[in-house]
Amino acid sequence: MPREDFDLKLNQLQQEVETLAQIVGKSINRAVDALKRRDLVASQEVVNDDDYIDQKRFEIEDRCVDMIATQQPMAGDLRAIIALLHIVVELERMGDYAEGIAKISLSMGDAPPLKPLIDIPRMAEKATTMLNDSIDALLNRDMVKANAVCQADDEVDDLYDQVYRELLTFMIGDPDTIQRATYLLWVAHDLERIADRATNIAERVIFLVTGKLVEINVSRY
């Protein structure tokens, strides 16, 4: 395959990954927004849409494997394809967490959340910003932005700690709140894991650029 054709196919793969990341980011935001508004129809739509995310992951994986098998890329080209393979897995798992949040919303039914949702939407906003920045770092081979994503994970962890402490106080003060508090703890945990996955993508970008796979920020959980 001529160099120009290979570069074209690799760019197309990266664009597919970017599109999948945008879909996943929207699913995360829709899931949290539906939870906040108690919109069960929108929650169910997030659950239904997860099948499409799964399908796109496998399609991109197949194309990556085909490029490796037929073109036998070396050095930087091989790292790029391997990085994309790992990144689509991270994106698919983020989609699963969005689906999980939507299922929690469905489990809650018409019942309002235990408390107004403030920190949980903030967690979602920070986590999706990390996702967007990690993909931007991938497309631009931007080491500075990739490192910044890894450092931003601490902010999401701090918000999770805050949510955890507040909900634990509710549960200790009134055992009748345990189930509703537990629902929100699950949501916060899913968002914390989404941020971790964004960090994993940023670490893959660093691997792509440097050839060294390092774990920059280890999750507390």
N, C-alpha and C. Protein backbone atom coordinates (compact mmCIF):
# COMPACT_ATOMS: atom_id res chain seq x y z
N MET A 1 0.85 -1.20 0.00
CA MET A 1 0.00 0.00 0.00
C MET A 1 0.89 1.25 0.00
N PRO A 2 0.71 2.14 -0.96
CA PRO A 2 1.49 3.37 -0.98
C PRO A 2 1.32 4.13 0.33
N ARG A 3 2.33 4.91 0.70
CA ARG A 3 2.32 5.65 1.95
C ARG A 3 1.10 6.56 2.06
N GLU A 4 0.73 7.20 0.95
CA GLU A 4 -0.40 8.12 0.99
C GLU A 4 -1.69 7.38 1.33
N ASP A 5 -1.86 6.19 0.76
CA ASP A 5 -3.06 5.41 1.04
C ASP A 5 -3.11 4.96 2.49
N PHE A 6 -1.96 4.55 3.02
CA PHE A 6 -1.91 4.12 4.42
C PHE A 6 -2.28 5.28 5.34
N ASP A 7 -1.70 6.44 5.08
CA ASP A 7 -2.00 7.62 5.91
C ASP A 7 -3.47 7.99 5.84
N LEU A 8 -4.05 7.85 4.65
CA LEU A 8 -5.47 8.16 4.48
C LEU A 8 -6.32 7.22 5.32
N LYS A 9 -6.01 5.92 5.26
CA LYS A 9 -6.79 4.94 6.03
C LYS A 9 -6.62 5.15 7.54
N LEU A 10 -5.41 5.50 7.95
CA LEU A 10 -5.17 5.76 9.37
C LEU A 10 -5.93 7.00 9.82
N ASN A 11 -5.94 8.03 9.01
CA ASN A 11 -6.71 9.24 9.34
C ASN A 11 -8.20 8.95 9.42
N GLN A 12 -8.69 8.10 8.52
CA GLN A 12 -10.10 7.73 8.55
C GLN A 12 -10.43 6.98 9.85
N LEU A 13 -9.52 6.11 10.27
CA LEU A 13 -9.71 5.38 11.53
C LEU A 13 -9.79 6.36 12.70
N GLN A 14 -8.89 7.33 12.71
CA GLN A 14 -8.88 8.31 13.79
C GLN A 14 -10.17 9.13 13.80
N GLN A 15 -10.68 9.44 12.61
CA GLN A 15 -11.94 10.18 12.53
C GLN A 15 -13.10 9.34 13.06
N GLU A 16 -13.06 8.04 12.79
CA GLU A 16 -14.09 7.14 13.32
C GLU A 16 -14.04 7.11 14.85
N VAL A 17 -12.83 7.08 15.39
CA VAL A 17 -12.66 7.09 16.85
C VAL A 17 -13.17 8.40 17.42
N GLU A 18 -12.87 9.51 16.75
CA GLU A 18 -13.36 10.81 17.20
C GLU A 18 -14.89 10.84 17.20
N THR A 19 -15.50 10.32 16.16
CA THR A 19 -16.96 10.28 16.08
C THR A 19 -17.55 9.44 17.21
N LEU A 20 -16.93 8.28 17.46
CA LEU A 20 -17.41 7.42 18.54
C LEU A 20 -17.29 8.13 19.88
N ALA A 21 -16.19 8.85 20.09
CA ALA A 21 -16.01 9.59 21.34
C ALA A 21 -17.09 10.65 21.51
N GLN A 22 -17.47 11.31 20.43
CA GLN A 22 -18.53 12.31 20.50
C GLN A 22 -19.87 11.67 20.88
N ILE A 23 -20.14 10.50 20.31
CA ILE A 23 -21.37 9.78 20.64
C ILE A 23 -21.39 9.38 22.11
N VAL A 24 -20.26 8.87 22.59
CA VAL A 24 -20.16 8.46 23.98
C VAL A 24 -20.33 9.66 24.91
N GLY A 25 -19.68 10.77 24.58
CA GLY A 25 -19.81 11.97 25.41
C GLY A 25 -21.26 12.43 25.51
N LYS A 26 -21.97 12.38 24.39
CA LYS A 26 -23.38 12.77 24.40
C LYS A 26 -24.20 11.80 25.25
N SER A 27 -23.89 10.51 25.20
CA SER A 27 -24.61 9.53 26.01
C SER A 27 -24.42 9.79 27.50
N ILE A 28 -23.20 10.12 27.89
CA ILE A 28 -22.93 10.43 29.29
C ILE A 28 -23.76 11.62 29.75
N ASN A 29 -23.72 12.69 28.97
CA ASN A 29 -24.46 13.90 29.34
C ASN A 29 -25.97 13.67 29.33
N ARG A 30 -26.44 12.92 28.34
CA ARG A 30 -27.88 12.63 28.27
C ARG A 30 -28.32 11.80 29.47
N ALA A 31 -27.48 10.84 29.87
CA ALA A 31 -27.84 9.97 31.00
C ALA A 31 -27.96 10.78 32.29
N VAL A 32 -26.99 11.67 32.52
CA VAL A 32 -27.02 12.47 33.75
C VAL A 32 -28.15 13.49 33.70
N ASP A 33 -28.38 14.09 32.53
CA ASP A 33 -29.46 15.05 32.40
C ASP A 33 -30.82 14.38 32.62
N ALA A 34 -30.98 13.18 32.07
CA ALA A 34 -32.24 12.45 32.25
C ALA A 34 -32.45 12.08 33.72
N LEU A 35 -31.36 11.71 34.38
CA LEU A 35 -31.44 11.41 35.81
C LEU A 35 -31.87 12.65 36.59
N LYS A 36 -31.29 13.77 36.27
CA LYS A 36 -31.60 15.01 36.98
C LYS A 36 -33.04 15.44 36.77
N ARG A 37 -33.52 15.27 35.53
CA ARG A 37 -34.89 15.71 35.20
C ARG A 37 -35.92 14.62 35.46
N ARG A 38 -35.46 13.42 35.85
CA ARG A 38 -36.33 12.26 36.04
C ARG A 38 -37.10 11.97 34.76
N ASP A 39 -36.40 11.94 33.66
CA ASP A 39 -36.98 11.66 32.35
C ASP A 39 -36.68 10.20 32.02
N LEU A 40 -37.65 9.35 32.30
CA LEU A 40 -37.43 7.91 32.12
C LEU A 40 -37.38 7.52 30.64
N VAL A 41 -38.07 8.27 29.81
CA VAL A 41 -38.03 7.99 28.37
C VAL A 41 -36.62 8.23 27.84
N ALA A 42 -36.04 9.37 28.22
CA ALA A 42 -34.68 9.68 27.78
C ALA A 42 -33.68 8.68 28.35
N SER A 43 -33.91 8.23 29.58
CA SER A 43 -33.03 7.22 30.18
C SER A 43 -33.06 5.93 29.37
N GLN A 44 -34.24 5.52 28.97
CA GLN A 44 -34.37 4.30 28.17
C GLN A 44 -33.69 4.46 26.81
N GLU A 45 -33.75 5.64 26.25
CA GLU A 45 -33.08 5.89 24.96
C GLU A 45 -31.57 5.71 25.08
N VAL A 46 -31.00 6.16 26.20
CA VAL A 46 -29.56 5.98 26.43
C VAL A 46 -29.22 4.50 26.50
N VAL A 47 -30.06 3.74 27.20
CA VAL A 47 -29.86 2.29 27.28
C VAL A 47 -29.90 1.66 25.89
N ASN A 48 -30.89 2.04 25.10
CA ASN A 48 -31.05 1.46 23.76
C ASN A 48 -29.87 1.81 22.86
N ASP A 49 -29.35 3.02 23.00
CA ASP A 49 -28.28 3.48 22.12
C ASP A 49 -26.95 2.80 22.39
N ASP A 50 -26.83 2.13 23.52
CA ASP A 50 -25.54 1.49 23.84
C ASP A 50 -25.18 0.41 22.83
N ASP A 51 -26.19 -0.23 22.25
CA ASP A 51 -25.91 -1.27 21.24
C ASP A 51 -25.15 -0.69 20.05
N TYR A 52 -25.48 0.54 19.67
CA TYR A 52 -24.80 1.18 18.54
C TYR A 52 -23.34 1.45 18.89
N ILE A 53 -23.09 1.89 20.12
CA ILE A 53 -21.72 2.13 20.56
C ILE A 53 -20.91 0.84 20.50
N ASP A 54 -21.51 -0.24 20.98
CA ASP A 54 -20.84 -1.55 20.92
C ASP A 54 -20.51 -1.92 19.48
N GLN A 55 -21.47 -1.73 18.60
CA GLN A 55 -21.28 -2.08 17.19
C GLN A 55 -20.14 -1.28 16.57
N LYS A 56 -20.09 0.02 16.85
CA LYS A 56 -19.04 0.86 16.29
C LYS A 56 -17.67 0.46 16.83
N ARG A 57 -17.62 0.07 18.08
CA ARG A 57 -16.33 -0.38 18.63
C ARG A 57 -15.81 -1.58 17.85
N PHE A 58 -16.66 -2.55 17.62
CA PHE A 58 -16.21 -3.77 16.94
C PHE A 58 -15.85 -3.49 15.48
N GLU A 59 -16.58 -2.58 14.85
CA GLU A 59 -16.25 -2.22 13.47
C GLU A 59 -14.85 -1.59 13.39
N ILE A 60 -14.56 -0.68 14.30
CA ILE A 60 -13.25 -0.03 14.29
C ILE A 60 -12.15 -1.04 14.63
N GLU A 61 -12.42 -1.90 15.59
CA GLU A 61 -11.44 -2.94 15.92
C GLU A 61 -11.12 -3.80 14.71
N ASP A 62 -12.15 -4.20 13.99
CA ASP A 62 -11.95 -5.05 12.81
C ASP A 62 -11.06 -4.34 11.78
N ARG A 63 -11.27 -3.06 11.59
CA ARG A 63 -10.47 -2.32 10.62
C ARG A 63 -9.03 -2.18 11.09
N CYS A 64 -8.84 -1.99 12.38
CA CYS A 64 -7.47 -1.92 12.92
C CYS A 64 -6.74 -3.23 12.73
N VAL A 65 -7.41 -4.33 13.05
CA VAL A 65 -6.79 -5.65 12.90
C VAL A 65 -6.47 -5.94 11.44
N ASP A 66 -7.38 -5.54 10.56
CA ASP A 66 -7.15 -5.75 9.12
C ASP A 66 -5.92 -4.98 8.65
N MET A 67 -5.74 -3.76 9.14
CA MET A 67 -4.58 -2.98 8.74
C MET A 67 -3.28 -3.62 9.24
N ILE A 68 -3.33 -4.13 10.45
CA ILE A 68 -2.13 -4.79 10.99
C ILE A 68 -1.81 -6.05 10.19
N ALA A 69 -2.86 -6.82 9.86
CA ALA A 69 -2.65 -8.10 9.18
C ALA A 69 -2.20 -7.93 7.73
N THR A 70 -2.74 -6.93 7.06
CA THR A 70 -2.46 -6.80 5.63
C THR A 70 -1.29 -5.88 5.32
N GLN A 71 -0.99 -4.94 6.23
CA GLN A 71 0.05 -3.95 5.93
C GLN A 71 1.32 -4.14 6.75
N GLN A 72 1.21 -4.91 7.82
CA GLN A 72 2.36 -5.16 8.69
C GLN A 72 3.11 -3.87 9.02
N PRO A 73 2.41 -2.91 9.61
CA PRO A 73 3.06 -1.62 9.92
C PRO A 73 4.14 -1.78 10.98
N MET A 74 5.08 -0.87 10.98
CA MET A 74 6.19 -0.92 11.92
C MET A 74 6.24 0.38 12.73
N ALA A 75 6.94 0.32 13.86
CA ALA A 75 7.28 1.47 14.69
C ALA A 75 6.06 2.36 14.95
N GLY A 76 6.15 3.64 14.58
CA GLY A 76 5.11 4.61 14.92
C GLY A 76 3.76 4.25 14.34
N ASP A 77 3.74 3.70 13.13
CA ASP A 77 2.46 3.32 12.52
C ASP A 77 1.78 2.22 13.33
N LEU A 78 2.57 1.25 13.78
CA LEU A 78 2.00 0.16 14.57
C LEU A 78 1.51 0.68 15.92
N ARG A 79 2.28 1.57 16.54
CA ARG A 79 1.84 2.15 17.81
C ARG A 79 0.52 2.89 17.65
N ALA A 80 0.36 3.60 16.53
CA ALA A 80 -0.87 4.35 16.30
C ALA A 80 -2.08 3.42 16.23
N ILE A 81 -1.92 2.32 15.50
CA ILE A 81 -3.05 1.40 15.36
C ILE A 81 -3.35 0.71 16.69
N ILE A 82 -2.30 0.31 17.41
CA ILE A 82 -2.50 -0.33 18.71
C ILE A 82 -3.17 0.64 19.69
N ALA A 83 -2.74 1.90 19.65
CA ALA A 83 -3.36 2.90 20.52
C ALA A 83 -4.85 3.03 20.21
N LEU A 84 -5.21 3.06 18.94
CA LEU A 84 -6.62 3.17 18.56
C LEU A 84 -7.41 1.95 19.03
N LEU A 85 -6.80 0.78 18.94
CA LEU A 85 -7.46 -0.44 19.41
C LEU A 85 -7.81 -0.33 20.89
N HIS A 86 -6.85 0.15 21.67
CA HIS A 86 -7.10 0.29 23.11
C HIS A 86 -8.10 1.40 23.40
N ILE A 87 -8.02 2.48 22.66
CA ILE A 87 -8.89 3.63 22.92
C ILE A 87 -10.36 3.29 22.65
N VAL A 88 -10.65 2.53 21.59
CA VAL A 88 -12.06 2.20 21.33
C VAL A 88 -12.63 1.30 22.42
N VAL A 89 -11.78 0.48 23.04
CA VAL A 89 -12.25 -0.32 24.17
C VAL A 89 -12.62 0.60 25.34
N GLU A 90 -11.77 1.59 25.60
CA GLU A 90 -12.07 2.55 26.67
C GLU A 90 -13.38 3.28 26.38
N LEU A 91 -13.58 3.68 25.14
CA LEU A 91 -14.80 4.40 24.77
C LEU A 91 -16.04 3.52 24.96
N GLU A 92 -15.91 2.26 24.57
CA GLU A 92 -17.06 1.35 24.72
C GLU A 92 -17.41 1.16 26.18
N ARG A 93 -16.39 1.09 27.04
CA ARG A 93 -16.64 0.95 28.47
C ARG A 93 -17.29 2.22 29.03
N MET A 94 -16.87 3.38 28.55
CA MET A 94 -17.53 4.62 28.96
C MET A 94 -19.01 4.60 28.58
N GLY A 95 -19.29 4.08 27.40
CA GLY A 95 -20.67 3.94 26.98
C GLY A 95 -21.45 3.03 27.91
N ASP A 96 -20.79 1.98 28.40
CA ASP A 96 -21.43 1.08 29.36
C ASP A 96 -21.76 1.81 30.66
N TYR A 97 -20.86 2.69 31.09
CA TYR A 97 -21.12 3.45 32.32
C TYR A 97 -22.30 4.41 32.12
N ALA A 98 -22.38 5.02 30.94
CA ALA A 98 -23.53 5.89 30.64
C ALA A 98 -24.81 5.07 30.67
N GLU A 99 -24.76 3.89 30.08
CA GLU A 99 -25.92 2.99 30.12
C GLU A 99 -26.27 2.64 31.57
N GLY A 100 -25.22 2.40 32.38
CA GLY A 100 -25.46 2.06 33.78
C GLY A 100 -26.16 3.18 34.53
N ILE A 101 -25.76 4.41 34.26
CA ILE A 101 -26.41 5.56 34.90
C ILE A 101 -27.88 5.63 34.48
N ALA A 102 -28.14 5.40 33.20
CA ALA A 102 -29.52 5.42 32.71
C ALA A 102 -30.35 4.31 33.35
N LYS A 103 -29.75 3.15 33.56
CA LYS A 103 -30.48 2.03 34.19
C LYS A 103 -30.77 2.35 35.66
N ILE A 104 -29.84 3.04 36.32
CA ILE A 104 -30.10 3.46 37.69
C ILE A 104 -31.30 4.40 37.73
N SER A 105 -31.34 5.33 36.76
CA SER A 105 -32.47 6.25 36.67
C SER A 105 -33.78 5.48 36.52
N LEU A 106 -33.76 4.45 35.67
CA LEU A 106 -34.96 3.63 35.47
C LEU A 106 -35.33 2.89 36.74
N SER A 107 -34.33 2.41 37.47
CA SER A 107 -34.60 1.70 38.72
C SER A 107 -35.23 2.62 39.76
N MET A 108 -34.87 3.89 39.72
CA MET A 108 -35.44 4.86 40.65
C MET A 108 -36.90 5.16 40.34
N GLY A 109 -37.30 4.91 39.11
CA GLY A 109 -38.68 5.16 38.72
C GLY A 109 -39.02 6.64 38.80
N ASP A 110 -40.20 6.93 39.30
CA ASP A 110 -40.65 8.32 39.38
C ASP A 110 -40.13 9.03 40.62
N ALA A 111 -39.47 8.29 41.51
CA ALA A 111 -39.02 8.89 42.77
C ALA A 111 -37.96 9.95 42.50
N PRO A 112 -38.06 11.10 43.17
CA PRO A 112 -37.03 12.14 43.00
C PRO A 112 -35.73 11.69 43.66
N PRO A 113 -34.61 12.24 43.24
CA PRO A 113 -33.34 11.92 43.92
C PRO A 113 -33.39 12.34 45.38
N LEU A 114 -32.51 11.76 46.16
CA LEU A 114 -32.47 12.06 47.59
C LEU A 114 -32.23 13.54 47.84
N LYS A 115 -31.44 14.18 46.97
CA LYS A 115 -31.09 15.60 47.11
C LYS A 115 -30.93 16.20 45.73
N PRO A 116 -30.99 17.53 45.65
CA PRO A 116 -30.75 18.15 44.34
C PRO A 116 -29.37 17.75 43.82
N LEU A 117 -29.29 17.46 42.54
CA LEU A 117 -28.03 17.01 41.95
C LEU A 117 -27.19 18.22 41.55
N ILE A 118 -26.10 18.40 42.24
CA ILE A 118 -25.18 19.51 41.97
C ILE A 118 -23.80 18.97 41.61
N ASP A 119 -23.22 18.21 42.53
CA ASP A 119 -21.86 17.69 42.30
C ASP A 119 -21.82 16.60 41.24
N ILE A 120 -22.87 15.81 41.12
CA ILE A 120 -22.89 14.75 40.12
C ILE A 120 -22.87 15.33 38.70
N PRO A 121 -23.71 16.33 38.38
CA PRO A 121 -23.57 16.97 37.06
C PRO A 121 -22.20 17.61 36.85
N ARG A 122 -21.59 18.14 37.92
CA ARG A 122 -20.24 18.70 37.80
C ARG A 122 -19.24 17.61 37.48
N MET A 123 -19.40 16.45 38.09
CA MET A 123 -18.53 15.31 37.77
C MET A 123 -18.68 14.93 36.29
N ALA A 124 -19.92 14.91 35.81
CA ALA A 124 -20.17 14.55 34.41
C ALA A 124 -19.52 15.56 33.47
N GLU A 125 -19.65 16.85 33.81
CA GLU A 125 -19.06 17.89 32.97
C GLU A 125 -17.54 17.75 32.91
N LYS A 126 -16.92 17.54 34.05
CA LYS A 126 -15.46 17.41 34.08
C LYS A 126 -15.00 16.14 33.37
N ALA A 127 -15.74 15.05 33.56
CA ALA A 127 -15.36 13.79 32.93
C ALA A 127 -15.47 13.87 31.40
N THR A 128 -16.54 14.49 30.91
CA THR A 128 -16.68 14.60 29.45
C THR A 128 -15.68 15.59 28.87
N THR A 129 -15.31 16.61 29.63
CA THR A 129 -14.25 17.52 29.18
C THR A 129 -12.94 16.76 29.07
N MET A 130 -12.66 15.91 30.04
CA MET A 130 -11.46 15.07 29.98
C MET A 130 -11.49 14.17 28.76
N LEU A 131 -12.66 13.60 28.47
CA LEU A 131 -12.79 12.75 27.29
C LEU A 131 -12.49 13.54 26.02
N ASN A 132 -13.12 14.70 25.89
CA ASN A 132 -12.90 15.52 24.69
C ASN A 132 -11.44 15.93 24.55
N ASP A 133 -10.82 16.30 25.66
CA ASP A 133 -9.43 16.73 25.62
C ASP A 133 -8.50 15.57 25.27
N SER A 134 -8.82 14.39 25.76
CA SER A 134 -7.96 13.23 25.46
C SER A 134 -8.01 12.88 23.98
N ILE A 135 -9.19 13.01 23.37
CA ILE A 135 -9.30 12.74 21.93
C ILE A 135 -8.63 13.85 21.13
N ASP A 136 -8.75 15.09 21.58
CA ASP A 136 -8.05 16.19 20.92
C ASP A 136 -6.54 15.98 21.00
N ALA A 137 -6.06 15.49 22.13
CA ALA A 137 -4.63 15.19 22.28
C ALA A 137 -4.22 14.09 21.31
N LEU A 138 -5.10 13.11 21.12
CA LEU A 138 -4.81 12.04 20.16
C LEU A 138 -4.68 12.58 18.75
N LEU A 139 -5.64 13.37 18.33
CA LEU A 139 -5.65 13.87 16.95
C LEU A 139 -4.48 14.78 16.66
N ASN A 140 -4.02 15.52 17.68
CA ASN A 140 -2.95 16.49 17.49
C ASN A 140 -1.61 16.02 18.04
N ARG A 141 -1.60 14.78 18.58
CA ARG A 141 -0.37 14.24 19.19
C ARG A 141 0.17 15.25 20.22
N ASP A 142 -0.74 15.71 21.06
CA ASP A 142 -0.45 16.80 21.99
C ASP A 142 -0.13 16.24 23.38
N MET A 143 1.15 16.17 23.70
CA MET A 143 1.60 15.63 24.98
C MET A 143 1.17 16.51 26.15
N VAL A 144 1.19 17.82 25.96
CA VAL A 144 0.83 18.73 27.04
C VAL A 144 -0.63 18.52 27.44
N LYS A 145 -1.50 18.43 26.45
CA LYS A 145 -2.92 18.23 26.76
C LYS A 145 -3.17 16.85 27.35
N ALA A 146 -2.46 15.85 26.88
CA ALA A 146 -2.61 14.50 27.43
C ALA A 146 -2.22 14.47 28.90
N ASN A 147 -1.12 15.12 29.24
CA ASN A 147 -0.72 15.18 30.64
C ASN A 147 -1.73 15.96 31.48
N ALA A 148 -2.30 17.01 30.91
CA ALA A 148 -3.30 17.80 31.63
C ALA A 148 -4.54 16.97 31.95
N VAL A 149 -4.93 16.10 31.02
CA VAL A 149 -6.07 15.21 31.26
C VAL A 149 -5.79 14.31 32.47
N CYS A 150 -4.59 13.77 32.52
CA CYS A 150 -4.24 12.89 33.63
C CYS A 150 -4.30 13.63 34.97
N GLN A 151 -3.85 14.87 34.98
CA GLN A 151 -3.88 15.64 36.22
C GLN A 151 -5.30 16.04 36.60
N ALA A 152 -6.17 16.24 35.61
CA ALA A 152 -7.55 16.65 35.89
C ALA A 152 -8.35 15.56 36.60
N ASP A 153 -7.87 14.32 36.54
CA ASP A 153 -8.58 13.22 37.18
C ASP A 153 -8.70 13.45 38.68
N ASP A 154 -7.73 14.13 39.28
CA ASP A 154 -7.79 14.40 40.72
C ASP A 154 -9.03 15.23 41.08
N GLU A 155 -9.43 16.13 40.19
CA GLU A 155 -10.60 16.98 40.46
C GLU A 155 -11.87 16.13 40.53
N VAL A 156 -11.97 15.15 39.64
CA VAL A 156 -13.14 14.26 39.65
C VAL A 156 -13.12 13.39 40.90
N ASP A 157 -11.94 12.90 41.27
CA ASP A 157 -11.82 12.10 42.50
C ASP A 157 -12.25 12.91 43.72
N ASP A 158 -11.86 14.19 43.76
CA ASP A 158 -12.24 15.04 44.89
C ASP A 158 -13.76 15.22 44.95
N LEU A 159 -14.39 15.40 43.80
CA LEU A 159 -15.85 15.52 43.78
C LEU A 159 -16.52 14.22 44.22
N TYR A 160 -15.94 13.10 43.81
CA TYR A 160 -16.50 11.81 44.24
C TYR A 160 -16.42 11.69 45.76
N ASP A 161 -15.28 12.06 46.33
CA ASP A 161 -15.13 12.01 47.78
C ASP A 161 -16.19 12.87 48.46
N GLN A 162 -16.45 14.03 47.89
CA GLN A 162 -17.44 14.94 48.47
C GLN A 162 -18.84 14.33 48.42
N VAL A 163 -19.19 13.75 47.27
CA VAL A 163 -20.50 13.10 47.13
C VAL A 163 -20.62 11.94 48.10
N TYR A 164 -19.56 11.15 48.19
CA TYR A 164 -19.57 9.97 49.07
C TYR A 164 -19.81 10.38 50.52
N ARG A 165 -19.07 11.38 50.99
CA ARG A 165 -19.21 11.81 52.38
C ARG A 165 -20.61 12.34 52.66
N GLU A 166 -21.14 13.13 51.72
CA GLU A 166 -22.47 13.71 51.93
C GLU A 166 -23.54 12.64 51.98
N LEU A 167 -23.47 11.68 51.04
CA LEU A 167 -24.48 10.62 51.01
C LEU A 167 -24.35 9.69 52.22
N LEU A 168 -23.13 9.46 52.67
CA LEU A 168 -22.93 8.64 53.86
C LEU A 168 -23.58 9.29 55.07
N THR A 169 -23.49 10.62 55.15
CA THR A 169 -24.13 11.35 56.25
C THR A 169 -25.64 11.16 56.22
N PHE A 170 -26.24 11.19 55.03
CA PHE A 170 -27.67 10.93 54.91
C PHE A 170 -28.02 9.54 55.43
N MET A 171 -27.23 8.55 55.02
CA MET A 171 -27.54 7.16 55.39
C MET A 171 -27.41 6.93 56.88
N ILE A 172 -26.41 7.56 57.50
CA ILE A 172 -26.22 7.40 58.93
C ILE A 172 -27.34 8.10 59.70
N GLY A 173 -27.75 9.25 59.21
CA GLY A 173 -28.78 10.03 59.89
C GLY A 173 -30.17 9.44 59.77
N ASP A 174 -30.43 8.75 58.63
CA ASP A 174 -31.78 8.22 58.39
C ASP A 174 -31.67 6.96 57.54
N PRO A 175 -31.77 5.78 58.14
CA PRO A 175 -31.65 4.53 57.38
C PRO A 175 -32.64 4.41 56.22
N ASP A 176 -33.75 5.15 56.29
CA ASP A 176 -34.73 5.09 55.20
C ASP A 176 -34.17 5.67 53.90
N THR A 177 -33.08 6.41 53.98
CA THR A 177 -32.50 7.03 52.78
C THR A 177 -31.46 6.13 52.10
N ILE A 178 -31.17 4.98 52.70
CA ILE A 178 -30.04 4.17 52.23
C ILE A 178 -30.19 3.79 50.75
N GLN A 179 -31.37 3.33 50.35
CA GLN A 179 -31.53 2.89 48.97
C GLN A 179 -31.33 4.05 47.99
N ARG A 180 -31.97 5.20 48.26
CA ARG A 180 -31.84 6.34 47.35
C ARG A 180 -30.41 6.88 47.33
N ALA A 181 -29.75 6.88 48.49
CA ALA A 181 -28.36 7.32 48.54
C ALA A 181 -27.46 6.36 47.77
N THR A 182 -27.75 5.08 47.87
CA THR A 182 -26.95 4.09 47.16
C THR A 182 -27.05 4.27 45.65
N TYR A 183 -28.23 4.57 45.16
CA TYR A 183 -28.39 4.84 43.73
C TYR A 183 -27.44 5.95 43.28
N LEU A 184 -27.40 7.04 44.05
CA LEU A 184 -26.55 8.17 43.66
C LEU A 184 -25.07 7.84 43.81
N LEU A 185 -24.74 7.01 44.78
CA LEU A 185 -23.34 6.57 44.92
C LEU A 185 -22.91 5.78 43.69
N TRP A 186 -23.79 4.94 43.18
CA TRP A 186 -23.48 4.18 41.97
C TRP A 186 -23.24 5.11 40.79
N VAL A 187 -24.08 6.13 40.68
CA VAL A 187 -23.91 7.10 39.59
C VAL A 187 -22.56 7.80 39.71
N ALA A 188 -22.25 8.27 40.91
CA ALA A 188 -20.98 8.97 41.12
C ALA A 188 -19.80 8.05 40.81
N HIS A 189 -19.91 6.80 41.19
CA HIS A 189 -18.83 5.85 40.91
C HIS A 189 -18.66 5.64 39.41
N ASP A 190 -19.77 5.54 38.69
CA ASP A 190 -19.68 5.38 37.23
C ASP A 190 -18.98 6.59 36.59
N LEU A 191 -19.29 7.78 37.07
CA LEU A 191 -18.66 8.98 36.53
C LEU A 191 -17.18 9.03 36.87
N GLU A 192 -16.83 8.60 38.07
CA GLU A 192 -15.41 8.55 38.45
C GLU A 192 -14.66 7.59 37.55
N ARG A 193 -15.28 6.48 37.19
CA ARG A 193 -14.64 5.50 36.32
C ARG A 193 -14.52 6.03 34.89
N ILE A 194 -15.50 6.81 34.45
CA ILE A 194 -15.40 7.43 33.12
C ILE A 194 -14.17 8.33 33.07
N ALA A 195 -13.96 9.11 34.12
CA ALA A 195 -12.77 9.97 34.17
C ALA A 195 -11.49 9.13 34.13
N ASP A 196 -11.50 8.00 34.82
CA ASP A 196 -10.33 7.11 34.78
C ASP A 196 -10.07 6.61 33.36
N ARG A 197 -11.14 6.30 32.65
CA ARG A 197 -10.99 5.82 31.27
C ARG A 197 -10.44 6.92 30.36
N ALA A 198 -10.86 8.15 30.60
CA ALA A 198 -10.31 9.26 29.83
C ALA A 198 -8.81 9.40 30.10
N THR A 199 -8.43 9.18 31.36
CA THR A 199 -7.01 9.19 31.70
C THR A 199 -6.26 8.09 30.97
N ASN A 200 -6.88 6.91 30.87
CA ASN A 200 -6.26 5.81 30.14
C ASN A 200 -6.01 6.18 28.68
N ILE A 201 -6.97 6.89 28.08
CA ILE A 201 -6.80 7.32 26.69
C ILE A 201 -5.63 8.28 26.58
N ALA A 202 -5.54 9.22 27.53
CA ALA A 202 -4.43 10.17 27.51
C ALA A 202 -3.09 9.46 27.64
N GLU A 203 -3.06 8.44 28.48
CA GLU A 203 -1.82 7.66 28.63
C GLU A 203 -1.46 6.94 27.33
N ARG A 204 -2.47 6.51 26.60
CA ARG A 204 -2.21 5.87 25.30
C ARG A 204 -1.67 6.88 24.30
N VAL A 205 -2.12 8.11 24.39
CA VAL A 205 -1.58 9.15 23.52
C VAL A 205 -0.09 9.36 23.81
N ILE A 206 0.24 9.37 25.08
CA ILE A 206 1.65 9.53 25.46
C ILE A 206 2.47 8.34 24.94
N PHE A 207 1.90 7.15 25.02
CA PHE A 207 2.56 5.97 24.46
C PHE A 207 2.75 6.11 22.95
N LEU A 208 1.74 6.62 22.29
CA LEU A 208 1.81 6.79 20.85
C LEU A 208 2.94 7.74 20.46
N VAL A 209 3.08 8.82 21.22
CA VAL A 209 4.08 9.83 20.89
C VAL A 209 5.49 9.40 21.30
N THR A 210 5.61 8.78 22.47
CA THR A 210 6.93 8.50 23.03
C THR A 210 7.38 7.05 22.88
N GLY A 211 6.43 6.15 22.68
CA GLY A 211 6.77 4.73 22.65
C GLY A 211 6.89 4.13 24.04
N LYS A 212 6.57 4.93 25.07
CA LYS A 212 6.66 4.45 26.45
C LYS A 212 5.28 4.46 27.09
N LEU A 213 4.90 3.31 27.63
CA LEU A 213 3.59 3.19 28.27
C LEU A 213 3.77 3.37 29.77
N VAL A 214 3.29 4.48 30.29
CA VAL A 214 3.44 4.79 31.71
C VAL A 214 2.08 5.08 32.31
N GLU A 215 1.92 4.77 33.60
CA GLU A 215 0.69 5.07 34.32
C GLU A 215 0.93 6.34 35.11
N ILE A 216 0.35 7.44 34.66
CA ILE A 216 0.64 8.74 35.25
C ILE A 216 -0.17 8.98 36.50
N ASN A 217 -1.44 8.59 36.47
CA ASN A 217 -2.33 8.91 37.58
C ASN A 217 -3.08 7.65 37.97
N VAL A 218 -2.81 7.13 39.15
CA VAL A 218 -3.45 5.90 39.60
C VAL A 218 -4.72 6.26 40.35
N SER A 219 -5.82 5.61 39.97
CA SER A 219 -7.10 5.90 40.63
C SER A 219 -7.04 5.52 42.10
N ARG A 220 -7.78 6.28 42.92
CA ARG A 220 -7.88 5.96 44.35
C ARG A 220 -8.83 4.80 44.60
N TYR A 221 -9.61 4.41 43.57
CA TYR A 221 -10.71 3.48 43.85
C TYR A 221 -10.56 2.20 43.04
